[in-house]
Amino acid sequence: MYDQTRAQQPSDQPPRRPEHHSTAPDALVPPDERDAVLARLRVAINSFAETPREALEEAEGAYDEAVARLAEALAERRRVLHDSWQDRDPGTAPEELRVALRQYREITQRLLRT
């Protein structure tokens, strides 16, 4: 027999939209940092015909910079999310904790889609 008094699990509820009105997810890397990496990549692409090895080195540097910035952004996002629930009172309402679970789910799914 189904227990109707049980709390709904996260999968029982449709995901909520973020409070802000944009439908796009928040950028992990700030636009100015992203643009700087993309500029390096454009330089590499545009210089390939004249200096292929140097272009590849520049492209590799752009890649390494993108990975480093993304890793930093993800570490900071994790720290903020962890701090949002870790030190809460053990009696914290499940709905408040569910918000943190939803954020972990969304960022993990987003990472696996890319």
N, C-alpha and C. Protein backbone atom coordinates (compact mmCIF):
# COMPACT_ATOMS: atom_id res chain seq x y z
N MET A 1 0.83 -1.18 0.00
CA MET A 1 0.00 0.00 0.00
C MET A 1 0.88 1.25 0.00
N TYR A 2 0.49 2.25 -0.73
CA TYR A 2 1.25 3.48 -0.88
C TYR A 2 1.04 4.38 0.33
N ASP A 3 2.12 4.88 0.90
CA ASP A 3 2.06 5.76 2.05
C ASP A 3 1.90 7.19 1.57
N GLN A 4 0.71 7.74 1.71
CA GLN A 4 0.44 9.09 1.22
C GLN A 4 1.04 10.17 2.12
N THR A 5 1.54 9.80 3.26
CA THR A 5 2.11 10.80 4.17
C THR A 5 3.59 11.04 3.91
N ARG A 6 4.19 10.23 3.05
CA ARG A 6 5.63 10.41 2.82
C ARG A 6 5.88 11.74 2.12
N ALA A 7 7.06 12.29 2.37
CA ALA A 7 7.44 13.54 1.71
C ALA A 7 7.76 13.24 0.25
N GLN A 8 7.43 14.15 -0.61
CA GLN A 8 7.76 13.96 -2.01
C GLN A 8 9.27 14.00 -2.18
N GLN A 9 9.76 13.13 -3.03
CA GLN A 9 11.17 13.09 -3.35
C GLN A 9 11.45 14.11 -4.46
N PRO A 10 12.71 14.53 -4.61
CA PRO A 10 13.04 15.51 -5.65
C PRO A 10 12.55 15.09 -7.03
N SER A 11 12.58 13.80 -7.34
CA SER A 11 12.15 13.37 -8.67
C SER A 11 10.63 13.43 -8.83
N ASP A 12 9.88 13.58 -7.72
CA ASP A 12 8.42 13.66 -7.79
C ASP A 12 7.94 15.03 -8.25
N GLN A 13 8.79 16.01 -8.15
CA GLN A 13 8.38 17.37 -8.46
C GLN A 13 9.08 17.86 -9.71
N PRO A 14 8.37 18.64 -10.51
CA PRO A 14 9.05 19.20 -11.69
C PRO A 14 10.09 20.20 -11.25
N PRO A 15 11.18 20.32 -12.01
CA PRO A 15 12.20 21.29 -11.63
C PRO A 15 11.64 22.70 -11.69
N ARG A 16 12.03 23.50 -10.72
CA ARG A 16 11.58 24.89 -10.70
C ARG A 16 12.51 25.74 -11.53
N ARG A 17 11.97 26.77 -12.10
CA ARG A 17 12.78 27.73 -12.84
C ARG A 17 13.54 28.59 -11.83
N PRO A 18 14.72 29.03 -12.20
CA PRO A 18 15.44 29.95 -11.31
C PRO A 18 14.61 31.20 -11.08
N GLU A 19 14.89 31.88 -9.99
CA GLU A 19 14.13 33.07 -9.62
C GLU A 19 14.27 34.19 -10.63
N HIS A 20 15.45 34.29 -11.29
CA HIS A 20 15.61 35.36 -12.27
C HIS A 20 14.84 34.98 -13.53
N HIS A 21 14.62 35.91 -14.42
CA HIS A 21 13.73 35.69 -15.55
C HIS A 21 14.44 35.20 -16.80
N SER A 22 15.73 35.07 -16.79
CA SER A 22 16.46 34.57 -17.94
C SER A 22 16.28 33.07 -18.03
N THR A 23 16.13 32.55 -19.25
CA THR A 23 16.02 31.11 -19.42
C THR A 23 17.38 30.46 -19.60
N ALA A 24 18.42 31.25 -19.85
CA ALA A 24 19.77 30.72 -20.01
C ALA A 24 20.40 30.50 -18.64
N PRO A 25 21.17 29.42 -18.50
CA PRO A 25 21.84 29.20 -17.22
C PRO A 25 22.92 30.26 -17.01
N ASP A 26 23.23 30.50 -15.75
CA ASP A 26 24.29 31.45 -15.43
C ASP A 26 25.60 30.97 -16.03
N ALA A 27 26.37 31.92 -16.55
CA ALA A 27 27.68 31.58 -17.10
C ALA A 27 28.61 31.19 -15.97
N LEU A 28 29.36 30.13 -16.18
CA LEU A 28 30.32 29.71 -15.17
C LEU A 28 31.55 30.61 -15.16
N VAL A 29 31.96 31.05 -16.34
CA VAL A 29 33.12 31.93 -16.48
C VAL A 29 32.60 33.30 -16.88
N PRO A 30 33.04 34.36 -16.20
CA PRO A 30 32.58 35.71 -16.53
C PRO A 30 32.86 36.04 -18.00
N PRO A 31 31.99 36.84 -18.61
CA PRO A 31 32.13 37.16 -20.04
C PRO A 31 33.49 37.73 -20.42
N ASP A 32 34.07 38.60 -19.61
CA ASP A 32 35.36 39.18 -19.98
C ASP A 32 36.47 38.12 -20.01
N GLU A 33 36.44 37.18 -19.08
CA GLU A 33 37.43 36.11 -19.07
C GLU A 33 37.20 35.16 -20.25
N ARG A 34 35.94 34.85 -20.52
CA ARG A 34 35.61 34.00 -21.66
C ARG A 34 36.08 34.64 -22.96
N ASP A 35 35.82 35.95 -23.10
CA ASP A 35 36.21 36.66 -24.31
C ASP A 35 37.73 36.67 -24.50
N ALA A 36 38.48 36.78 -23.41
CA ALA A 36 39.94 36.78 -23.50
C ALA A 36 40.45 35.43 -24.01
N VAL A 37 39.87 34.34 -23.53
CA VAL A 37 40.27 33.02 -23.99
C VAL A 37 39.90 32.84 -25.46
N LEU A 38 38.70 33.27 -25.83
CA LEU A 38 38.27 33.15 -27.23
C LEU A 38 39.13 34.00 -28.15
N ALA A 39 39.59 35.14 -27.67
CA ALA A 39 40.48 35.99 -28.47
C ALA A 39 41.81 35.26 -28.73
N ARG A 40 42.33 34.59 -27.71
CA ARG A 40 43.56 33.81 -27.90
C ARG A 40 43.34 32.71 -28.93
N LEU A 41 42.20 32.09 -28.89
CA LEU A 41 41.91 31.03 -29.84
C LEU A 41 41.79 31.58 -31.26
N ARG A 42 41.17 32.74 -31.40
CA ARG A 42 41.08 33.38 -32.73
C ARG A 42 42.46 33.72 -33.28
N VAL A 43 43.34 34.21 -32.42
CA VAL A 43 44.71 34.51 -32.84
C VAL A 43 45.37 33.23 -33.37
N ALA A 44 45.19 32.15 -32.65
CA ALA A 44 45.78 30.88 -33.07
C ALA A 44 45.23 30.45 -34.43
N ILE A 45 43.95 30.53 -34.60
CA ILE A 45 43.33 30.11 -35.87
C ILE A 45 43.79 30.99 -37.01
N ASN A 46 43.83 32.29 -36.77
CA ASN A 46 44.21 33.23 -37.83
C ASN A 46 45.69 33.18 -38.19
N SER A 47 46.52 32.69 -37.30
CA SER A 47 47.95 32.66 -37.57
C SER A 47 48.44 31.29 -38.03
N PHE A 48 47.55 30.33 -38.11
CA PHE A 48 47.96 28.97 -38.44
C PHE A 48 48.67 28.86 -39.79
N ALA A 49 48.14 29.52 -40.81
CA ALA A 49 48.74 29.40 -42.15
C ALA A 49 50.19 29.87 -42.17
N GLU A 50 50.49 30.91 -41.41
CA GLU A 50 51.85 31.48 -41.41
C GLU A 50 52.78 30.77 -40.44
N THR A 51 52.28 30.43 -39.28
CA THR A 51 53.11 29.82 -38.24
C THR A 51 52.32 28.70 -37.53
N PRO A 52 52.23 27.54 -38.16
CA PRO A 52 51.39 26.48 -37.62
C PRO A 52 51.78 26.01 -36.21
N ARG A 53 53.04 25.80 -35.95
CA ARG A 53 53.44 25.33 -34.61
C ARG A 53 53.10 26.36 -33.53
N GLU A 54 53.42 27.62 -33.81
CA GLU A 54 53.11 28.67 -32.84
C GLU A 54 51.60 28.80 -32.64
N ALA A 55 50.85 28.62 -33.72
CA ALA A 55 49.39 28.68 -33.63
C ALA A 55 48.86 27.56 -32.74
N LEU A 56 49.43 26.37 -32.90
CA LEU A 56 49.00 25.25 -32.07
C LEU A 56 49.37 25.47 -30.60
N GLU A 57 50.54 26.05 -30.37
CA GLU A 57 50.93 26.36 -29.00
C GLU A 57 49.98 27.38 -28.38
N GLU A 58 49.58 28.37 -29.17
CA GLU A 58 48.63 29.38 -28.68
C GLU A 58 47.26 28.75 -28.42
N ALA A 59 46.82 27.87 -29.32
CA ALA A 59 45.54 27.18 -29.13
C ALA A 59 45.58 26.31 -27.88
N GLU A 60 46.70 25.63 -27.67
CA GLU A 60 46.85 24.82 -26.47
C GLU A 60 46.81 25.69 -25.21
N GLY A 61 47.46 26.86 -25.28
CA GLY A 61 47.42 27.79 -24.15
C GLY A 61 46.01 28.28 -23.87
N ALA A 62 45.25 28.56 -24.93
CA ALA A 62 43.86 29.00 -24.77
C ALA A 62 43.04 27.89 -24.12
N TYR A 63 43.27 26.66 -24.58
CA TYR A 63 42.57 25.51 -24.00
C TYR A 63 42.90 25.37 -22.51
N ASP A 64 44.19 25.42 -22.19
CA ASP A 64 44.61 25.30 -20.79
C ASP A 64 44.01 26.40 -19.93
N GLU A 65 43.98 27.61 -20.47
CA GLU A 65 43.40 28.74 -19.73
C GLU A 65 41.90 28.53 -19.51
N ALA A 66 41.20 28.05 -20.53
CA ALA A 66 39.77 27.79 -20.41
C ALA A 66 39.50 26.74 -19.34
N VAL A 67 40.30 25.67 -19.35
CA VAL A 67 40.13 24.59 -18.37
C VAL A 67 40.38 25.13 -16.96
N ALA A 68 41.44 25.91 -16.80
CA ALA A 68 41.77 26.46 -15.48
C ALA A 68 40.67 27.38 -14.97
N ARG A 69 40.18 28.25 -15.83
CA ARG A 69 39.12 29.18 -15.41
C ARG A 69 37.84 28.43 -15.08
N LEU A 70 37.52 27.42 -15.85
CA LEU A 70 36.34 26.62 -15.58
C LEU A 70 36.49 25.86 -14.26
N ALA A 71 37.66 25.29 -14.01
CA ALA A 71 37.91 24.57 -12.76
C ALA A 71 37.78 25.52 -11.56
N GLU A 72 38.32 26.72 -11.69
CA GLU A 72 38.20 27.71 -10.62
C GLU A 72 36.74 28.08 -10.38
N ALA A 73 36.00 28.30 -11.45
CA ALA A 73 34.59 28.67 -11.33
C ALA A 73 33.78 27.56 -10.71
N LEU A 74 34.06 26.32 -11.09
CA LEU A 74 33.33 25.19 -10.52
C LEU A 74 33.66 25.00 -9.04
N ALA A 75 34.92 25.19 -8.69
CA ALA A 75 35.31 25.08 -7.28
C ALA A 75 34.61 26.14 -6.44
N GLU A 76 34.53 27.35 -6.96
CA GLU A 76 33.85 28.42 -6.23
C GLU A 76 32.35 28.14 -6.12
N ARG A 77 31.75 27.67 -7.20
CA ARG A 77 30.32 27.34 -7.18
C ARG A 77 30.06 26.25 -6.15
N ARG A 78 30.93 25.25 -6.10
CA ARG A 78 30.77 24.17 -5.12
C ARG A 78 30.90 24.70 -3.70
N ARG A 79 31.89 25.58 -3.47
CA ARG A 79 32.08 26.13 -2.13
C ARG A 79 30.84 26.88 -1.67
N VAL A 80 30.30 27.72 -2.54
CA VAL A 80 29.11 28.50 -2.19
C VAL A 80 27.92 27.59 -1.93
N LEU A 81 27.74 26.61 -2.79
CA LEU A 81 26.62 25.68 -2.61
C LEU A 81 26.77 24.87 -1.33
N HIS A 82 27.96 24.38 -1.08
CA HIS A 82 28.23 23.61 0.15
C HIS A 82 27.93 24.46 1.38
N ASP A 83 28.41 25.70 1.36
CA ASP A 83 28.18 26.59 2.50
C ASP A 83 26.70 26.89 2.70
N SER A 84 25.90 26.79 1.65
CA SER A 84 24.47 27.11 1.76
C SER A 84 23.69 26.08 2.57
N TRP A 85 24.21 24.88 2.71
CA TRP A 85 23.47 23.87 3.46
C TRP A 85 24.26 23.21 4.58
N GLN A 86 25.57 23.20 4.51
CA GLN A 86 26.38 22.42 5.44
C GLN A 86 26.18 22.83 6.89
N ASP A 87 26.16 24.09 7.17
CA ASP A 87 26.10 24.55 8.57
C ASP A 87 24.68 24.83 9.04
N ARG A 88 23.70 24.32 8.31
CA ARG A 88 22.31 24.52 8.71
C ARG A 88 21.96 23.69 9.92
N ASP A 89 20.99 24.14 10.64
CA ASP A 89 20.45 23.42 11.79
C ASP A 89 19.93 22.07 11.30
N PRO A 90 20.19 20.99 12.06
CA PRO A 90 19.69 19.67 11.64
C PRO A 90 18.17 19.64 11.42
N GLY A 91 17.46 20.58 12.01
CA GLY A 91 16.02 20.63 11.84
C GLY A 91 15.57 21.45 10.64
N THR A 92 16.51 21.84 9.78
CA THR A 92 16.18 22.63 8.60
C THR A 92 15.12 21.92 7.78
N ALA A 93 14.17 22.68 7.32
CA ALA A 93 13.08 22.12 6.53
C ALA A 93 13.62 21.42 5.28
N PRO A 94 13.07 20.26 4.98
CA PRO A 94 13.53 19.53 3.79
C PRO A 94 13.46 20.36 2.51
N GLU A 95 12.51 21.26 2.41
CA GLU A 95 12.39 22.07 1.19
C GLU A 95 13.63 22.95 1.00
N GLU A 96 14.16 23.48 2.08
CA GLU A 96 15.37 24.30 1.98
C GLU A 96 16.56 23.45 1.52
N LEU A 97 16.65 22.23 2.01
CA LEU A 97 17.72 21.33 1.59
C LEU A 97 17.50 20.85 0.16
N ARG A 98 16.25 20.71 -0.22
CA ARG A 98 15.93 20.28 -1.58
C ARG A 98 16.43 21.30 -2.61
N VAL A 99 16.44 22.57 -2.24
CA VAL A 99 16.96 23.60 -3.14
C VAL A 99 18.43 23.33 -3.45
N ALA A 100 19.20 22.99 -2.42
CA ALA A 100 20.62 22.68 -2.63
C ALA A 100 20.77 21.42 -3.48
N LEU A 101 19.95 20.41 -3.21
CA LEU A 101 20.00 19.19 -4.01
C LEU A 101 19.69 19.48 -5.47
N ARG A 102 18.72 20.30 -5.72
CA ARG A 102 18.34 20.67 -7.09
C ARG A 102 19.50 21.39 -7.78
N GLN A 103 20.19 22.26 -7.05
CA GLN A 103 21.33 22.97 -7.64
C GLN A 103 22.46 22.02 -7.97
N TYR A 104 22.74 21.06 -7.08
CA TYR A 104 23.76 20.05 -7.39
C TYR A 104 23.35 19.26 -8.64
N ARG A 105 22.10 18.87 -8.70
CA ARG A 105 21.62 18.11 -9.86
C ARG A 105 21.77 18.90 -11.14
N GLU A 106 21.34 20.16 -11.12
CA GLU A 106 21.38 20.98 -12.33
C GLU A 106 22.80 21.21 -12.83
N ILE A 107 23.72 21.52 -11.93
CA ILE A 107 25.09 21.78 -12.38
C ILE A 107 25.75 20.49 -12.86
N THR A 108 25.48 19.37 -12.19
CA THR A 108 26.05 18.10 -12.61
C THR A 108 25.52 17.70 -13.98
N GLN A 109 24.22 17.83 -14.18
CA GLN A 109 23.63 17.51 -15.49
C GLN A 109 24.18 18.43 -16.57
N ARG A 110 24.34 19.69 -16.24
CA ARG A 110 24.87 20.64 -17.19
C ARG A 110 26.30 20.28 -17.59
N LEU A 111 27.10 19.87 -16.62
CA LEU A 111 28.48 19.48 -16.93
C LEU A 111 28.52 18.23 -17.82
N LEU A 112 27.63 17.32 -17.59
CA LEU A 112 27.65 16.09 -18.37
C LEU A 112 27.07 16.27 -19.77
N ARG A 113 26.32 17.33 -19.99
CA ARG A 113 25.79 17.61 -21.33
C ARG A 113 26.85 18.22 -22.23
N THR A 114 27.85 18.87 -21.66
CA THR A 114 28.84 19.56 -22.49
C THR A 114 29.92 18.67 -22.97
